[in-house]
């Protein structure tokens, strides 16, 4: 009798001792099954795939700009389009090594050595306005510091401010060889900027050239630095009614700035990363499937063992 009670007590102790761990294990297994089955493990790999694709598109749409400077012995002659209006050209000459000649006699045109051509065309922004441009062939020899010095004179004007506008474009020969010079000048005015220089001063314009190469097109841009010096007018009072304009055009240095757009996005590298991500997703899904299968198998074994213990206890 005592032996039977001892056995029964041992059986009860054994059942009590194993019930809580089994239940705890069951809860843990349920949690694990739910987390693996609903795909809560792979989101880290999914975020990596999203981030990789986003980085690739960002680099594709925003290329890196590469800048280099190319040294040249001489430039192509730029086109200098001047719009003097009522002002009259007094002289236009080429000079070297920053040498500027003295002022010419007023009212008299001085024979120069510039190549120039007058072009009349319709204003691209107004079909009813005619514009007259004096197009001058610009300097080329940057090593000998070639420059072009132009002088204009303008009679008394009713305007409050007096200035002469000008525009720079890449090659003078493009205009001189064009079959439709009016259309060429209209296109230039649409694509290039206008600048001005004022009367009573000598404006020294130093030009630089920037070539930009994109993925689909190329463009040429002129940049300039200008310095202004006041003209000391020593003429008699009667002659000062004619306002004088002085302008110098010269290359700043022998370098062409070349800007190129470089796409740093590497499709093969992105493809390799995505392959690794998809393999990780596949392995995660396969592992989740095996884990669920293993948990179900353990659960069946546990339930079978629990049923056997209950039958043994009853017997």
Protein backbone atom coordinates (compact mmCIF):
# COMPACT_ATOMS: atom_id res chain seq x y z
CA UNK A 1 0.00 0.00 0.00
CA UNK A 2 2.77 2.37 0.87
CA UNK A 3 4.61 1.45 -2.30
CA UNK A 4 1.59 2.26 -4.45
CA UNK A 5 1.14 5.67 -2.86
CA UNK A 6 4.77 6.39 -3.40
CA UNK A 7 4.44 5.48 -7.07
CA UNK A 8 1.35 7.61 -7.41
CA UNK A 9 3.04 10.52 -5.69
CA UNK A 10 5.99 10.18 -8.01
CA UNK A 11 3.66 10.11 -11.01
CA UNK A 12 1.89 13.26 -9.88
CA UNK A 13 5.20 14.97 -9.23
CA UNK A 14 6.42 13.99 -12.67
CA UNK A 15 3.26 15.31 -14.34
CA UNK A 16 3.42 18.55 -12.44
CA UNK A 17 7.11 18.95 -13.12
CA UNK A 18 6.71 18.47 -16.87
CA UNK A 19 3.51 20.40 -17.43
CA UNK A 20 4.90 23.93 -17.21
CA UNK A 21 7.98 23.37 -19.43
CA UNK A 22 5.80 21.63 -22.01
CA UNK A 23 3.34 24.50 -21.98
CA UNK A 24 6.15 27.04 -22.13
CA UNK A 25 7.70 25.17 -25.05
CA UNK A 26 4.32 25.05 -26.77
CA UNK A 27 3.89 28.81 -26.42
CA UNK A 28 7.42 29.39 -27.72
CA UNK A 29 6.77 27.07 -30.66
CA UNK A 30 3.53 28.89 -31.45
CA UNK A 31 5.30 32.24 -31.40
CA UNK A 32 8.10 30.98 -33.62
CA UNK A 33 5.69 29.39 -36.06
CA UNK A 34 3.72 32.60 -36.32
CA UNK A 35 6.81 34.74 -36.86
CA UNK A 36 8.26 32.45 -39.52
CA UNK A 37 4.97 31.79 -41.26
CA UNK A 38 3.90 35.43 -41.60
CA UNK A 39 7.29 36.43 -43.06
CA UNK A 40 8.56 38.66 -40.25
CA UNK A 41 12.17 37.52 -40.71
CA UNK A 42 12.82 38.54 -44.35
CA UNK A 43 11.92 42.30 -44.12
CA UNK A 44 15.58 43.14 -43.46
CA UNK A 45 16.54 41.62 -46.81
CA UNK A 46 13.56 43.30 -48.49
CA UNK A 47 14.70 46.70 -47.21
CA UNK A 48 18.18 46.03 -48.58
CA UNK A 49 16.68 45.30 -52.01
CA UNK A 50 14.64 48.52 -51.89
CA UNK A 51 17.65 50.55 -50.78
CA UNK A 52 19.84 49.07 -53.54
CA UNK A 53 17.33 49.92 -56.26
CA UNK A 54 16.81 53.42 -54.83
CA UNK A 55 20.56 54.10 -54.76
CA UNK A 56 20.91 52.88 -58.36
CA UNK A 57 18.11 55.17 -59.60
CA UNK A 58 19.53 58.12 -57.64
CA UNK A 59 22.97 57.70 -59.23
CA UNK A 60 21.42 57.17 -62.65
CA UNK A 61 19.38 60.37 -62.49
CA UNK A 62 22.08 62.49 -60.83
CA UNK A 63 25.45 61.85 -62.53
CA UNK A 64 28.69 63.12 -61.05
CA UNK A 65 30.26 66.07 -62.86
CA UNK A 66 33.90 65.58 -63.81
CA UNK A 67 35.94 68.74 -64.49
CA UNK A 68 39.29 68.95 -66.26
CA UNK A 69 41.28 71.78 -67.84
CA UNK A 70 42.70 71.39 -71.34
CA UNK A 71 45.57 73.69 -72.32
CA UNK A 72 45.61 75.05 -75.88
CA UNK A 73 48.03 77.18 -77.89
CA UNK A 74 45.22 79.11 -79.54
CA UNK A 75 41.44 79.28 -79.57
CA UNK A 76 38.99 79.33 -82.41
CA UNK A 77 38.05 82.92 -83.16
CA UNK A 78 34.89 83.67 -81.18
CA UNK A 79 32.14 85.79 -82.61
CA UNK A 80 31.65 89.16 -80.87
CA UNK A 81 28.26 90.60 -81.78
CA UNK A 82 27.96 94.28 -80.82
CA UNK A 83 24.77 96.33 -80.86
CA UNK A 84 25.97 99.96 -81.00
CA UNK A 85 22.59 101.47 -81.85
CA UNK A 86 23.25 105.14 -82.68
CA UNK A 87 26.91 104.89 -81.67
CA UNK A 88 29.52 104.98 -84.43
CA UNK A 89 32.58 102.73 -84.62
CA UNK A 90 35.81 104.73 -84.57
CA UNK A 91 38.39 101.94 -84.62
CA UNK A 92 38.91 98.23 -84.20
CA UNK A 93 42.41 96.81 -84.05
CA UNK A 94 44.32 93.73 -82.88
CA UNK A 95 47.09 94.27 -80.34
CA UNK A 96 49.40 92.03 -78.33
CA UNK A 97 50.93 91.86 -74.87
CA UNK A 98 48.32 94.14 -73.26
CA UNK A 99 49.42 97.16 -75.30
CA UNK A 100 46.66 99.75 -75.74
CA UNK A 101 47.15 102.56 -78.32
CA UNK A 102 46.22 106.21 -77.68
CA UNK A 103 42.75 107.55 -78.40
CA UNK A 104 41.88 108.24 -82.05
CA UNK A 105 40.57 111.51 -83.41
CA UNK A 106 36.88 112.06 -82.76
CA UNK A 107 34.45 111.73 -85.64
CA UNK A 108 36.98 109.98 -87.85
CA UNK A 109 37.01 106.29 -88.60
CA UNK A 110 40.46 104.79 -88.28
CA UNK A 111 41.22 101.97 -90.66
CA UNK A 112 41.76 98.85 -88.59
CA UNK A 113 42.68 95.21 -89.09
CA UNK A 114 39.54 93.56 -87.75
CA UNK A 115 37.35 91.19 -89.71
CA UNK A 116 33.72 92.17 -89.23
CA UNK A 117 30.31 91.94 -90.81
CA UNK A 118 26.97 93.64 -90.25
CA UNK A 119 23.89 91.42 -89.91
CA UNK A 120 20.32 92.67 -89.70
CA UNK A 121 17.75 90.24 -88.36
CA UNK A 122 14.38 90.09 -86.67
CA UNK A 123 14.33 90.12 -82.88
CA UNK A 124 13.62 86.52 -81.73
CA UNK A 125 11.32 87.84 -79.00
CA UNK A 126 9.47 90.40 -81.13
CA UNK A 127 8.49 89.90 -84.76
CA UNK A 128 8.14 93.65 -85.31
CA UNK A 129 11.62 94.74 -84.22
CA UNK A 130 14.72 94.72 -86.39
CA UNK A 131 18.15 94.40 -84.80
CA UNK A 132 21.45 95.34 -86.38
CA UNK A 133 24.55 93.55 -85.11
CA UNK A 134 28.17 94.34 -85.87
CA UNK A 135 29.83 90.92 -85.67
CA UNK A 136 33.60 91.04 -85.12
CA UNK A 137 36.06 88.14 -85.36
CA UNK A 138 37.58 87.68 -81.92
CA UNK A 139 41.19 87.02 -80.84
CA UNK A 140 42.85 83.59 -81.10
CA UNK A 141 46.50 83.83 -79.94
CA UNK A 142 46.34 83.36 -76.20
CA UNK A 143 50.07 82.73 -75.78
CA UNK A 144 50.99 86.22 -77.08
CA UNK A 145 48.05 87.73 -75.20
CA UNK A 146 46.27 88.94 -78.28
CA UNK A 147 43.46 91.42 -77.73
CA UNK A 148 40.94 93.44 -79.72
CA UNK A 149 40.42 97.10 -78.86
CA UNK A 150 37.27 98.85 -80.07
CA UNK A 151 36.27 102.51 -79.75
CA UNK A 152 32.84 104.00 -80.33
CA UNK A 153 31.45 107.51 -80.34
CA UNK A 154 27.86 108.57 -79.72
CA UNK A 155 26.29 111.98 -80.11
CA UNK A 156 24.13 113.51 -77.41
CA UNK A 157 21.31 111.20 -76.44
CA UNK A 158 18.01 111.65 -74.64
CA UNK A 159 18.46 108.44 -72.62
CA UNK A 160 19.32 108.59 -68.92
CA UNK A 161 21.84 105.75 -69.22
CA UNK A 162 23.96 104.93 -72.24
CA UNK A 163 25.55 101.57 -72.93
CA UNK A 164 26.36 99.23 -75.80
CA UNK A 165 25.23 95.62 -75.64
CA UNK A 166 27.29 92.70 -76.87
CA UNK A 167 27.05 88.93 -77.14
CA UNK A 168 29.71 86.21 -77.45
CA UNK A 169 29.30 82.96 -79.38
CA UNK A 170 31.66 80.05 -79.96
CA UNK A 171 33.01 80.46 -83.52
CA UNK A 172 32.97 83.42 -85.87
CA UNK A 173 33.32 81.13 -88.87
CA UNK A 174 30.00 79.46 -88.02
CA UNK A 175 28.31 82.78 -88.72
CA UNK A 176 30.40 83.73 -91.75
CA UNK A 177 29.79 80.35 -93.42
CA UNK A 178 26.11 80.15 -92.52
CA UNK A 179 23.67 80.16 -95.43
CA UNK A 180 21.02 81.85 -93.28
CA UNK A 181 22.84 84.39 -91.12
CA UNK A 182 19.64 85.97 -89.84
CA UNK A 183 18.43 82.66 -88.42
CA UNK A 184 21.91 81.98 -87.02
CA UNK A 185 21.91 85.28 -85.11
CA UNK A 186 18.38 84.70 -83.81
CA UNK A 187 19.39 81.27 -82.50
CA UNK A 188 22.49 82.73 -80.87
CA UNK A 189 20.45 85.38 -79.09
CA UNK A 190 18.15 82.68 -77.74
CA UNK A 191 21.03 80.57 -76.41
CA UNK A 192 23.67 83.08 -75.28
CA UNK A 193 23.65 85.86 -72.71
CA UNK A 194 23.83 89.59 -73.38
CA UNK A 195 26.25 91.95 -71.61
CA UNK A 196 26.87 95.68 -71.76
CA UNK A 197 29.67 98.23 -71.41
CA UNK A 198 29.10 101.87 -70.52
CA UNK A 199 30.28 105.11 -72.01
CA UNK A 200 33.04 107.11 -70.39
CA UNK A 201 34.88 103.97 -69.27
CA UNK A 202 37.26 101.41 -70.69
CA UNK A 203 35.82 97.94 -70.09
CA UNK A 204 38.33 95.10 -70.28
CA UNK A 205 36.62 91.75 -70.90
CA UNK A 206 38.60 88.57 -70.27
CA UNK A 207 36.90 85.52 -71.73
CA UNK A 208 37.04 81.85 -70.77
CA UNK A 209 35.42 78.86 -72.43
CA UNK A 210 33.47 76.04 -70.77
CA UNK A 211 32.42 72.95 -72.71
CA UNK A 212 29.81 70.75 -71.06
CA UNK A 213 29.17 67.19 -72.29
CA UNK A 214 26.02 65.51 -71.08
CA UNK A 215 24.56 62.11 -71.79
CA UNK A 216 22.68 63.39 -74.84
CA UNK A 217 24.11 66.75 -75.91
CA UNK A 218 27.01 69.16 -75.68
CA UNK A 219 27.01 72.87 -74.98
CA UNK A 220 29.50 75.74 -75.05
CA UNK A 221 29.37 78.54 -72.51
CA UNK A 222 31.36 81.76 -72.31
CA UNK A 223 32.37 83.07 -68.93
CA UNK A 224 33.90 86.46 -68.50
CA UNK A 225 35.65 88.69 -66.05
CA UNK A 226 35.49 92.41 -66.65
CA UNK A 227 37.30 95.38 -65.15
CA UNK A 228 36.25 98.99 -65.64
CA UNK A 229 38.53 102.04 -65.69
CA UNK A 230 37.27 105.62 -65.92
CA UNK A 231 38.29 107.58 -69.00
CA UNK A 232 39.98 110.90 -68.23
CA UNK A 233 38.31 113.13 -70.76
CA UNK A 234 40.58 116.09 -71.55
CA UNK A 235 38.63 117.33 -74.56
CA UNK A 236 37.26 120.82 -74.86
CA UNK A 237 33.79 121.29 -73.45
CA UNK A 238 32.29 121.63 -76.92
CA UNK A 239 33.55 118.17 -77.91
CA UNK A 240 32.32 116.40 -74.80
CA UNK A 241 28.84 116.13 -76.24
CA UNK A 242 30.14 113.05 -78.06
CA UNK A 243 30.29 110.23 -75.56
CA UNK A 244 33.14 107.75 -75.96
CA UNK A 245 33.01 103.99 -75.42
CA UNK A 246 36.07 101.76 -75.06
CA UNK A 247 36.09 97.97 -74.84
CA UNK A 248 38.82 95.31 -74.92
CA UNK A 249 38.30 91.59 -75.57
CA UNK A 250 40.99 89.09 -74.57
CA UNK A 251 41.28 85.45 -73.50
CA UNK A 252 41.87 85.09 -69.78
CA UNK A 253 44.16 82.02 -69.92
CA UNK A 254 45.04 79.14 -72.29
CA UNK A 255 42.71 76.63 -70.64
CA UNK A 256 39.37 75.22 -71.75
CA UNK A 257 37.25 73.91 -68.91
CA UNK A 258 35.69 70.60 -69.91
CA UNK A 259 32.80 69.36 -67.80
CA UNK A 260 31.51 65.83 -68.34
CA UNK A 261 28.60 64.05 -66.72
CA UNK A 262 29.69 60.62 -65.42
CA UNK A 263 27.08 58.08 -64.36
CA UNK A 264 28.46 56.20 -61.34
CA UNK A 265 25.59 53.72 -61.21
CA UNK A 266 26.97 50.26 -62.05
CA UNK A 267 24.19 47.97 -63.32
CA UNK A 268 26.30 44.81 -62.91
CA UNK A 269 27.15 45.61 -59.31
CA UNK A 270 23.49 46.37 -58.58
CA UNK A 271 22.44 43.14 -60.30
CA UNK A 272 24.91 41.13 -58.19
CA UNK A 273 23.62 42.72 -54.98
CA UNK A 274 20.01 42.04 -55.93
CA UNK A 275 20.87 38.43 -56.77
CA UNK A 276 22.36 38.05 -53.30
CA UNK A 277 19.29 39.66 -51.75
CA UNK A 278 16.89 37.40 -53.64
CA UNK A 279 18.94 34.35 -52.67
CA UNK A 280 18.74 35.45 -49.04
CA UNK A 281 14.98 35.88 -49.38
CA UNK A 282 14.67 32.44 -50.95
CA UNK A 283 16.75 30.84 -48.20
CA UNK A 284 14.76 32.69 -45.53
CA UNK A 285 11.49 31.47 -47.04
CA UNK A 286 12.82 27.91 -47.32
CA UNK A 287 14.08 27.99 -43.74
CA UNK A 288 10.71 29.29 -42.54
CA UNK A 289 8.95 26.47 -44.36
CA UNK A 290 11.26 23.84 -42.84
CA UNK A 291 10.92 25.45 -39.41
CA UNK A 292 7.12 25.29 -39.57
CA UNK A 293 7.28 21.66 -40.67
CA UNK A 294 9.69 20.83 -37.84
CA UNK A 295 7.56 22.64 -35.24
CA UNK A 296 4.43 20.79 -36.36
CA UNK A 297 6.29 17.49 -36.12
CA UNK A 298 7.51 18.29 -32.60
CA UNK A 299 4.03 19.39 -31.59
CA UNK A 300 2.50 16.08 -32.79
CA UNK A 301 5.18 14.14 -30.93
CA UNK A 302 4.56 16.17 -27.81
CA UNK A 303 0.78 15.68 -28.03
CA UNK A 304 1.25 11.95 -28.60
CA UNK A 305 3.53 11.70 -25.55
CA UNK A 306 1.09 13.69 -23.46
CA UNK A 307 -1.77 11.40 -24.50
CA UNK A 308 0.27 8.33 -23.61
CA UNK A 309 1.03 9.76 -20.17
CA UNK A 310 -2.62 10.47 -19.60
CA UNK A 311 -3.55 6.87 -20.60
CA UNK A 312 -0.85 5.48 -18.32
CA UNK A 313 -2.11 7.62 -15.46
CA UNK A 314 -5.65 6.36 -15.97
CA UNK A 315 -4.50 2.76 -16.12
